[in-house]
PDB file of all heavy atoms in Angstrom:
ATOM      1  N   GLU A   1       0.829  -1.212   0.000  1.00  0.00           N
ATOM      2  CA  GLU A   1       0.000   0.000   0.000  1.00  0.00           C
ATOM      3  C   GLU A   1       0.860   1.258   0.000  1.00  0.00           C
ATOM      4  O   GLU A   1       0.560   2.236  -0.694  1.00  0.00           O
ATOM      5  CB  GLU A   1      -0.919  -0.008   1.222  1.00  0.00           C
ATOM      6  CG  GLU A   1      -1.992  -1.081   1.187  1.00  0.00           C
ATOM      7  CD  GLU A   1      -2.911  -1.012   2.388  1.00  0.00           C
ATOM      8  OE1 GLU A   1      -3.778  -0.126   2.411  1.00  0.00           O
ATOM      9  OE2 GLU A   1      -2.732  -1.823   3.318  1.00  0.00           O
ATOM     10  N   ALA A   2       1.949   1.229   0.769  1.00  0.00           N
ATOM     11  CA  ALA A   2       2.825   2.390   0.848  1.00  0.00           C
ATOM     12  C   ALA A   2       3.480   2.668  -0.504  1.00  0.00           C
ATOM     13  O   ALA A   2       3.574   3.820  -0.931  1.00  0.00           O
ATOM     14  CB  ALA A   2       3.893   2.163   1.917  1.00  0.00           C
ATOM     15  N   SER A   3       3.921   1.621  -1.179  1.00  0.00           N
ATOM     16  CA  SER A   3       4.526   1.802  -2.499  1.00  0.00           C
ATOM     17  C   SER A   3       3.521   2.412  -3.463  1.00  0.00           C
ATOM     18  O   SER A   3       3.874   3.262  -4.293  1.00  0.00           O
ATOM     19  CB  SER A   3       5.031   0.464  -3.042  1.00  0.00           C
ATOM     20  OG  SER A   3       6.111  -0.027  -2.263  1.00  0.00           O
ATOM     21  N   GLY A   4       2.248   1.993  -3.352  1.00  0.00           N
ATOM     22  CA  GLY A   4       1.198   2.548  -4.210  1.00  0.00           C
ATOM     23  C   GLY A   4       1.019   4.033  -3.981  1.00  0.00           C
ATOM     24  O   GLY A   4       0.861   4.811  -4.931  1.00  0.00           O
ATOM     25  N   ILE A   5       1.064   4.464  -2.715  1.00  0.00           N
ATOM     26  CA  ILE A   5       0.922   5.883  -2.401  1.00  0.00           C
ATOM     27  C   ILE A   5       2.108   6.672  -2.945  1.00  0.00           C
ATOM     28  O   ILE A   5       1.946   7.751  -3.534  1.00  0.00           O
ATOM     29  CB  ILE A   5       0.799   6.093  -0.875  1.00  0.00           C
ATOM     30  CG1 ILE A   5      -0.544   5.534  -0.377  1.00  0.00           C
ATOM     31  CG2 ILE A   5       0.918   7.575  -0.509  1.00  0.00           C
ATOM     32  CD1 ILE A   5      -0.719   5.573   1.132  1.00  0.00           C
ATOM     33  N   VAL A   6       3.321   6.124  -2.774  1.00  0.00           N
ATOM     34  CA  VAL A   6       4.516   6.817  -3.264  1.00  0.00           C
ATOM     35  C   VAL A   6       4.481   6.962  -4.780  1.00  0.00           C
ATOM     36  O   VAL A   6       4.860   8.005  -5.329  1.00  0.00           O
ATOM     37  CB  VAL A   6       5.798   6.074  -2.824  1.00  0.00           C
ATOM     38  CG1 VAL A   6       7.029   6.694  -3.488  1.00  0.00           C
ATOM     39  CG2 VAL A   6       5.942   6.115  -1.307  1.00  0.00           C
ATOM     40  N   ILE A   7       3.984   5.944  -5.465  1.00  0.00           N
ATOM     41  CA  ILE A   7       3.872   6.021  -6.926  1.00  0.00           C
ATOM     42  C   ILE A   7       2.884   7.114  -7.328  1.00  0.00           C
ATOM     43  O   ILE A   7       3.098   7.843  -8.304  1.00  0.00           O
ATOM     44  CB  ILE A   7       3.464   4.648  -7.503  1.00  0.00           C
ATOM     45  CG1 ILE A   7       4.642   3.669  -7.368  1.00  0.00           C
ATOM     46  CG2 ILE A   7       3.062   4.778  -8.980  1.00  0.00           C
ATOM     47  CD1 ILE A   7       4.297   2.238  -7.682  1.00  0.00           C
ATOM     48  N   GLN A   8       1.789   7.260  -6.557  1.00  0.00           N
ATOM     49  CA  GLN A   8       0.849   8.356  -6.829  1.00  0.00           C
ATOM     50  C   GLN A   8       1.525   9.717  -6.626  1.00  0.00           C
ATOM     51  O   GLN A   8       1.324  10.646  -7.418  1.00  0.00           O
ATOM     52  CB  GLN A   8      -0.360   8.249  -5.891  1.00  0.00           C
ATOM     53  CG  GLN A   8      -1.276   7.080  -6.183  1.00  0.00           C
ATOM     54  CD  GLN A   8      -2.482   7.094  -5.260  1.00  0.00           C
ATOM     55  OE1 GLN A   8      -3.300   8.014  -5.298  1.00  0.00           O
ATOM     56  NE2 GLN A   8      -2.589   6.095  -4.408  1.00  0.00           N
ATOM     57  N   VAL A   9       2.323   9.816  -5.568  1.00  0.00           N
ATOM     58  CA  VAL A   9       3.048  11.062  -5.308  1.00  0.00           C
ATOM     59  C   VAL A   9       4.000  11.364  -6.458  1.00  0.00           C
ATOM     60  O   VAL A   9       4.053  12.495  -6.965  1.00  0.00           O
ATOM     61  CB  VAL A   9       3.840  10.953  -3.978  1.00  0.00           C
ATOM     62  CG1 VAL A   9       4.817  12.130  -3.833  1.00  0.00           C
ATOM     63  CG2 VAL A   9       2.884  10.911  -2.784  1.00  0.00           C
ATOM     64  N   LEU A  10       4.745  10.354  -6.888  1.00  0.00           N
ATOM     65  CA  LEU A  10       5.698  10.544  -7.981  1.00  0.00           C
ATOM     66  C   LEU A  10       5.000  10.968  -9.261  1.00  0.00           C
ATOM     67  O   LEU A  10       5.475  11.859  -9.979  1.00  0.00           O
ATOM     68  CB  LEU A  10       6.497   9.258  -8.214  1.00  0.00           C
ATOM     69  CG  LEU A  10       7.508   9.295  -9.371  1.00  0.00           C
ATOM     70  CD1 LEU A  10       8.557  10.381  -9.137  1.00  0.00           C
ATOM     71  CD2 LEU A  10       8.166   7.935  -9.545  1.00  0.00           C
ATOM     72  N   SER A  11       3.863  10.356  -9.567  1.00  0.00           N
ATOM     73  CA  SER A  11       3.155  10.706 -10.793  1.00  0.00           C
ATOM     74  C   SER A  11       2.700  12.165 -10.766  1.00  0.00           C
ATOM     75  O   SER A  11       2.761  12.875 -11.778  1.00  0.00           O
ATOM     76  CB  SER A  11       1.955   9.779 -11.007  1.00  0.00           C
ATOM     77  OG  SER A  11       0.948   9.990 -10.033  1.00  0.00           O
ATOM     78  N   ARG A  12       2.254  12.644  -9.602  1.00  0.00           N
ATOM     79  CA  ARG A  12       1.838  14.046  -9.487  1.00  0.00           C
ATOM     80  C   ARG A  12       3.040  14.994  -9.593  1.00  0.00           C
ATOM     81  O   ARG A  12       2.946  16.070 -10.183  1.00  0.00           O
ATOM     82  CB  ARG A  12       1.103  14.260  -8.162  1.00  0.00           C
ATOM     83  CG  ARG A  12      -0.330  13.711  -8.174  1.00  0.00           C
ATOM     84  CD  ARG A  12      -0.921  13.642  -6.779  1.00  0.00           C
ATOM     85  NE  ARG A  12      -2.343  13.350  -6.807  1.00  0.00           N
ATOM     86  CZ  ARG A  12      -2.861  12.139  -7.042  1.00  0.00           C
ATOM     87  NH1 ARG A  12      -2.048  11.106  -7.300  1.00  0.00           N
ATOM     88  NH2 ARG A  12      -4.170  11.946  -7.035  1.00  0.00           N
ATOM     89  N   LEU A  13       4.151  14.581  -9.019  1.00  0.00           N
ATOM     90  CA  LEU A  13       5.354  15.397  -9.117  1.00  0.00           C
ATOM     91  C   LEU A  13       5.820  15.516 -10.568  1.00  0.00           C
ATOM     92  O   LEU A  13       6.189  16.592 -11.025  1.00  0.00           O
ATOM     93  CB  LEU A  13       6.473  14.788  -8.259  1.00  0.00           C
ATOM     94  CG  LEU A  13       6.312  14.928  -6.738  1.00  0.00           C
ATOM     95  CD1 LEU A  13       7.346  14.082  -6.017  1.00  0.00           C
ATOM     96  CD2 LEU A  13       6.420  16.383  -6.305  1.00  0.00           C
ATOM     97  N   LEU A  14       5.793  14.398 -11.286  1.00  0.00           N
ATOM     98  CA  LEU A  14       6.219  14.425 -12.681  1.00  0.00           C
ATOM     99  C   LEU A  14       5.253  15.238 -13.543  1.00  0.00           C
ATOM    100  O   LEU A  14       5.668  15.954 -14.460  1.00  0.00           O
ATOM    101  CB  LEU A  14       6.329  12.996 -13.221  1.00  0.00           C
ATOM    102  CG  LEU A  14       7.499  12.161 -12.676  1.00  0.00           C
ATOM    103  CD1 LEU A  14       7.368  10.708 -13.106  1.00  0.00           C
ATOM    104  CD2 LEU A  14       8.827  12.731 -13.136  1.00  0.00           C
ATOM    105  N   ARG A  15       3.961  15.151 -13.235  1.00  0.00           N
ATOM    106  CA  ARG A  15       2.953  15.833 -14.049  1.00  0.00           C
ATOM    107  C   ARG A  15       2.938  17.342 -13.806  1.00  0.00           C
ATOM    108  O   ARG A  15       2.789  18.125 -14.740  1.00  0.00           O
ATOM    109  CB  ARG A  15       1.574  15.240 -13.751  1.00  0.00           C
ATOM    110  CG  ARG A  15       0.475  15.750 -14.703  1.00  0.00           C
ATOM    111  CD  ARG A  15      -0.881  15.166 -14.359  1.00  0.00           C
ATOM    112  NE  ARG A  15      -0.866  13.723 -14.288  1.00  0.00           N
ATOM    113  CZ  ARG A  15      -1.291  13.010 -13.241  1.00  0.00           C
ATOM    114  NH1 ARG A  15      -1.760  13.627 -12.175  1.00  0.00           N
ATOM    115  NH2 ARG A  15      -1.251  11.696 -13.263  1.00  0.00           N
ATOM    116  N   HIS A  16       3.116  17.745 -12.535  1.00  0.00           N
ATOM    117  CA  HIS A  16       2.905  19.147 -12.194  1.00  0.00           C
ATOM    118  C   HIS A  16       4.162  19.903 -11.752  1.00  0.00           C
ATOM    119  O   HIS A  16       4.136  21.141 -11.694  1.00  0.00           O
ATOM    120  CB  HIS A  16       1.865  19.255 -11.075  1.00  0.00           C
ATOM    121  CG  HIS A  16       0.538  18.638 -11.414  1.00  0.00           C
ATOM    122  ND1 HIS A  16      -0.305  19.177 -12.367  1.00  0.00           N
ATOM    123  CD2 HIS A  16      -0.081  17.519 -10.939  1.00  0.00           C
ATOM    124  CE1 HIS A  16      -1.402  18.413 -12.455  1.00  0.00           C
ATOM    125  NE2 HIS A  16      -1.282  17.410 -11.610  1.00  0.00           N
ATOM    126  N   PHE A  17       5.233  19.199 -11.427  1.00  0.00           N
ATOM    127  CA  PHE A  17       6.400  19.876 -10.865  1.00  0.00           C
ATOM    128  C   PHE A  17       7.707  19.489 -11.557  1.00  0.00           C
ATOM    129  O   PHE A  17       8.776  19.644 -10.971  1.00  0.00           O
ATOM    130  CB  PHE A  17       6.509  19.566  -9.358  1.00  0.00           C
ATOM    131  CG  PHE A  17       5.329  20.046  -8.558  1.00  0.00           C
ATOM    132  CD1 PHE A  17       4.254  19.206  -8.332  1.00  0.00           C
ATOM    133  CD2 PHE A  17       5.298  21.331  -8.048  1.00  0.00           C
ATOM    134  CE1 PHE A  17       3.155  19.637  -7.605  1.00  0.00           C
ATOM    135  CE2 PHE A  17       4.207  21.778  -7.321  1.00  0.00           C
ATOM    136  CZ  PHE A  17       3.136  20.932  -7.102  1.00  0.00           C
ATOM    137  N   SER A  18       7.616  19.001 -12.771  1.00  0.00           N
ATOM    138  CA  SER A  18       8.844  18.592 -13.458  1.00  0.00           C
ATOM    139  C   SER A  18       9.055  19.413 -14.727  1.00  0.00           C
ATOM    140  O   SER A  18       8.114  20.003 -15.269  1.00  0.00           O
ATOM    141  CB  SER A  18       8.809  17.101 -13.800  1.00  0.00           C
ATOM    142  OG  SER A  18       7.868  16.844 -14.826  1.00  0.00           O
ATOM    143  N   THR A  19      10.284  19.427 -15.181  1.00  0.00           N
ATOM    144  CA  THR A  19      10.634  20.070 -16.447  1.00  0.00           C
ATOM    145  C   THR A  19      11.372  19.060 -17.308  1.00  0.00           C
ATOM    146  O   THR A  19      11.985  18.107 -16.807  1.00  0.00           O
ATOM    147  CB  THR A  19      11.545  21.292 -16.212  1.00  0.00           C
ATOM    148  OG1 THR A  19      12.697  20.881 -15.471  1.00  0.00           O
ATOM    149  CG2 THR A  19      10.811  22.374 -15.457  1.00  0.00           C
ATOM    150  N   ASN A  20      11.308  19.262 -18.608  1.00  0.00           N
ATOM    151  CA  ASN A  20      12.018  18.382 -19.520  1.00  0.00           C
ATOM    152  C   ASN A  20      13.524  18.560 -19.346  1.00  0.00           C
ATOM    153  O   ASN A  20      14.010  19.665 -19.116  1.00  0.00           O
ATOM    154  CB  ASN A  20      11.636  18.676 -20.972  1.00  0.00           C
ATOM    155  CG  ASN A  20      10.230  18.223 -21.277  1.00  0.00           C
ATOM    156  OD1 ASN A  20       9.750  17.245 -20.726  1.00  0.00           O
ATOM    157  ND2 ASN A  20       9.549  18.946 -22.155  1.00  0.00           N
ATOM    158  N   TYR A  21      14.217  17.458 -19.471  1.00  0.00           N
ATOM    159  CA  TYR A  21      15.661  17.465 -19.272  1.00  0.00           C
ATOM    160  C   TYR A  21      16.294  16.615 -20.358  1.00  0.00           C
ATOM    161  O   TYR A  21      15.846  15.495 -20.626  1.00  0.00           O
ATOM    162  CB  TYR A  21      15.996  16.889 -17.888  1.00  0.00           C
ATOM    163  CG  TYR A  21      17.455  16.602 -17.651  1.00  0.00           C
ATOM    164  CD1 TYR A  21      18.348  17.635 -17.398  1.00  0.00           C
ATOM    165  CD2 TYR A  21      17.935  15.296 -17.665  1.00  0.00           C
ATOM    166  CE1 TYR A  21      19.695  17.375 -17.158  1.00  0.00           C
ATOM    167  CE2 TYR A  21      19.273  15.027 -17.424  1.00  0.00           C
ATOM    168  CZ  TYR A  21      20.145  16.070 -17.179  1.00  0.00           C
ATOM    169  OH  TYR A  21      21.474  15.798 -16.949  1.00  0.00           O
ATOM    170  N   ILE A  22      17.313  17.159 -21.011  1.00  0.00           N
ATOM    171  CA  ILE A  22      18.018  16.394 -22.044  1.00  0.00           C
ATOM    172  C   ILE A  22      19.297  15.861 -21.419  1.00  0.00           C
ATOM    173  O   ILE A  22      20.272  16.604 -21.228  1.00  0.00           O
ATOM    174  CB  ILE A  22      18.351  17.274 -23.266  1.00  0.00           C
ATOM    175  CG1 ILE A  22      17.063  17.858 -23.846  1.00  0.00           C
ATOM    176  CG2 ILE A  22      19.088  16.460 -24.313  1.00  0.00           C
ATOM    177  CD1 ILE A  22      17.297  18.825 -24.993  1.00  0.00           C
ATOM    178  N   PRO A  23      19.310  14.571 -21.059  1.00  0.00           N
ATOM    179  CA  PRO A  23      20.485  14.026 -20.382  1.00  0.00           C
ATOM    180  C   PRO A  23      21.663  13.840 -21.328  1.00  0.00           C
ATOM    181  O   PRO A  23      21.502  13.681 -22.523  1.00  0.00           O
ATOM    182  CB  PRO A  23      19.990  12.670 -19.862  1.00  0.00           C
ATOM    183  CG  PRO A  23      18.924  12.276 -20.818  1.00  0.00           C
ATOM    184  CD  PRO A  23      18.266  13.561 -21.277  1.00  0.00           C
ATOM    185  N   GLU A  24      22.858  13.895 -20.734  1.00  0.00           N
ATOM    186  CA  GLU A  24      24.034  13.530 -21.500  1.00  0.00           C
ATOM    187  C   GLU A  24      24.014  12.015 -21.676  1.00  0.00           C
ATOM    188  O   GLU A  24      23.201  11.317 -21.089  1.00  0.00           O
ATOM    189  CB  GLU A  24      25.287  13.973 -20.738  1.00  0.00           C
ATOM    190  CG  GLU A  24      25.319  15.466 -20.464  1.00  0.00           C
ATOM    191  CD  GLU A  24      26.485  15.852 -19.568  1.00  0.00           C
ATOM    192  OE1 GLU A  24      27.327  14.969 -19.302  1.00  0.00           O
ATOM    193  OE2 GLU A  24      26.540  17.009 -19.159  1.00  0.00           O
ATOM    194  N   ASN A  25      24.916  11.511 -22.513  1.00  0.00           N
ATOM    195  CA  ASN A  25      24.906  10.054 -22.678  1.00  0.00           C
ATOM    196  C   ASN A  25      25.326   9.401 -21.370  1.00  0.00           C
ATOM    197  O   ASN A  25      25.939  10.008 -20.504  1.00  0.00           O
ATOM    198  CB  ASN A  25      25.809   9.627 -23.845  1.00  0.00           C
ATOM    199  CG  ASN A  25      27.281   9.898 -23.584  1.00  0.00           C
ATOM    200  OD1 ASN A  25      27.831   9.432 -22.596  1.00  0.00           O
ATOM    201  ND2 ASN A  25      27.914  10.646 -24.468  1.00  0.00           N
ATOM    202  N   SER A  26      24.986   8.127 -21.232  1.00  0.00           N
ATOM    203  CA  SER A  26      25.159   7.426 -19.963  1.00  0.00           C
ATOM    204  C   SER A  26      26.613   7.382 -19.509  1.00  0.00           C
ATOM    205  O   SER A  26      26.906   7.445 -18.312  1.00  0.00           O
ATOM    206  CB  SER A  26      24.602   5.999 -20.072  1.00  0.00           C
ATOM    207  OG  SER A  26      25.246   5.296 -21.123  1.00  0.00           O
ATOM    208  N   GLN A  27      27.548   7.294 -20.461  1.00  0.00           N
ATOM    209  CA  GLN A  27      28.956   7.255 -20.100  1.00  0.00           C
ATOM    210  C   GLN A  27      29.392   8.580 -19.483  1.00  0.00           C
ATOM    211  O   GLN A  27      30.118   8.617 -18.492  1.00  0.00           O
ATOM    212  CB  GLN A  27      29.809   6.937 -21.321  1.00  0.00           C
ATOM    213  CG  GLN A  27      29.699   5.481 -21.791  1.00  0.00           C
ATOM    214  CD  GLN A  27      30.653   5.172 -22.929  1.00  0.00           C
ATOM    215  OE1 GLN A  27      31.074   6.076 -23.644  1.00  0.00           O
ATOM    216  NE2 GLN A  27      30.990   3.913 -23.088  1.00  0.00           N
ATOM    217  N   GLN A  28      28.913   9.685 -20.047  1.00  0.00           N
ATOM    218  CA  GLN A  28      29.236  10.994 -19.492  1.00  0.00           C
ATOM    219  C   GLN A  28      28.618  11.174 -18.112  1.00  0.00           C
ATOM    220  O   GLN A  28      29.239  11.720 -17.205  1.00  0.00           O
ATOM    221  CB  GLN A  28      28.760  12.096 -20.441  1.00  0.00           C
ATOM    222  CG  GLN A  28      29.590  12.212 -21.719  1.00  0.00           C
ATOM    223  CD  GLN A  28      29.029  13.264 -22.667  1.00  0.00           C
ATOM    224  OE1 GLN A  28      27.817  13.402 -22.802  1.00  0.00           O
ATOM    225  NE2 GLN A  28      29.903  13.994 -23.326  1.00  0.00           N
ATOM    226  N   ASP A  29      27.355  10.734 -17.952  1.00  0.00           N
ATOM    227  CA  ASP A  29      26.698  10.829 -16.653  1.00  0.00           C
ATOM    228  C   ASP A  29      27.473  10.049 -15.597  1.00  0.00           C
ATOM    229  O   ASP A  29      27.681  10.523 -14.483  1.00  0.00           O
ATOM    230  CB  ASP A  29      25.274  10.285 -16.737  1.00  0.00           C
ATOM    231  CG  ASP A  29      24.332  11.270 -17.420  1.00  0.00           C
ATOM    232  OD1 ASP A  29      24.694  12.454 -17.513  1.00  0.00           O
ATOM    233  OD2 ASP A  29      23.260  10.852 -17.865  1.00  0.00           O
ATOM    234  N   ALA A  30      27.882   8.835 -15.926  1.00  0.00           N
ATOM    235  CA  ALA A  30      28.627   7.999 -14.985  1.00  0.00           C
ATOM    236  C   ALA A  30      29.962   8.645 -14.630  1.00  0.00           C
ATOM    237  O   ALA A  30      30.393   8.619 -13.471  1.00  0.00           O
ATOM    238  CB  ALA A  30      28.852   6.608 -15.584  1.00  0.00           C
ATOM    239  N   ALA A  31      30.619   9.239 -15.622  1.00  0.00           N
ATOM    240  CA  ALA A  31      31.901   9.896 -15.375  1.00  0.00           C
ATOM    241  C   ALA A  31      31.728  11.108 -14.466  1.00  0.00           C
ATOM    242  O   ALA A  31      32.558  11.359 -13.580  1.00  0.00           O
ATOM    243  CB  ALA A  31      32.539  10.311 -16.699  1.00  0.00           C
ATOM    244  N   THR A  32      30.640  11.862 -14.671  1.00  0.00           N
ATOM    245  CA  THR A  32      30.361  13.025 -13.824  1.00  0.00           C
ATOM    246  C   THR A  32      30.160  12.610 -12.375  1.00  0.00           C
ATOM    247  O   THR A  32      30.733  13.204 -11.455  1.00  0.00           O
ATOM    248  CB  THR A  32      29.112  13.768 -14.332  1.00  0.00           C
ATOM    249  OG1 THR A  32      29.386  14.308 -15.623  1.00  0.00           O
ATOM    250  CG2 THR A  32      28.722  14.896 -13.387  1.00  0.00           C
ATOM    251  N   ILE A  33      29.343  11.595 -12.160  1.00  0.00           N
ATOM    252  CA  ILE A  33      29.075  11.119 -10.803  1.00  0.00           C
ATOM    253  C   ILE A  33      30.353  10.619 -10.151  1.00  0.00           C
ATOM    254  O   ILE A  33      30.619  10.885  -8.968  1.00  0.00           O
ATOM    255  CB  ILE A  33      28.001  10.007 -10.831  1.00  0.00           C
ATOM    256  CG1 ILE A  33      26.642  10.606 -11.218  1.00  0.00           C
ATOM    257  CG2 ILE A  33      27.905   9.313  -9.478  1.00  0.00           C
ATOM    258  CD1 ILE A  33      25.564   9.586 -11.459  1.00  0.00           C
ATOM    259  N   GLU A  34      31.175   9.901 -10.892  1.00  0.00           N
ATOM    260  CA  GLU A  34      32.419   9.379 -10.339  1.00  0.00           C
ATOM    261  C   GLU A  34      33.368  10.515  -9.976  1.00  0.00           C
ATOM    262  O   GLU A  34      34.040  10.473  -8.937  1.00  0.00           O
ATOM    263  CB  GLU A  34      33.087   8.438 -11.347  1.00  0.00           C
ATOM    264  CG  GLU A  34      34.303   7.696 -10.794  1.00  0.00           C
ATOM    265  CD  GLU A  34      33.981   6.909  -9.531  1.00  0.00           C
ATOM    266  OE1 GLU A  34      32.874   6.340  -9.436  1.00  0.00           O
ATOM    267  OE2 GLU A  34      34.848   6.882  -8.625  1.00  0.00           O
ATOM    268  N   ARG A  35      33.434  11.547 -10.810  1.00  0.00           N
ATOM    269  CA  ARG A  35      34.278  12.698 -10.494  1.00  0.00           C
ATOM    270  C   ARG A  35      33.808  13.397  -9.220  1.00  0.00           C
ATOM    271  O   ARG A  35      34.608  13.751  -8.350  1.00  0.00           O
ATOM    272  CB  ARG A  35      34.257  13.697 -11.654  1.00  0.00           C
ATOM    273  CG  ARG A  35      35.198  13.354 -12.801  1.00  0.00           C
ATOM    274  CD  ARG A  35      35.099  14.397 -13.890  1.00  0.00           C
ATOM    275  NE  ARG A  35      36.226  14.328 -14.810  1.00  0.00           N
ATOM    276  CZ  ARG A  35      36.418  15.156 -15.833  1.00  0.00           C
ATOM    277  NH1 ARG A  35      35.534  16.120 -16.060  1.00  0.00           N
ATOM    278  NH2 ARG A  35      37.476  15.047 -16.604  1.00  0.00           N
TER     279      ARG A  35
END
């Protein structure tokens, strides 16, 4: 039940409080995090 509620929260956050983001390729993302 808790996971279901969190998924509802996430869906509302994505629908009303998110912006589009163009990610770098996965290798660049991994390198950034490691740095």
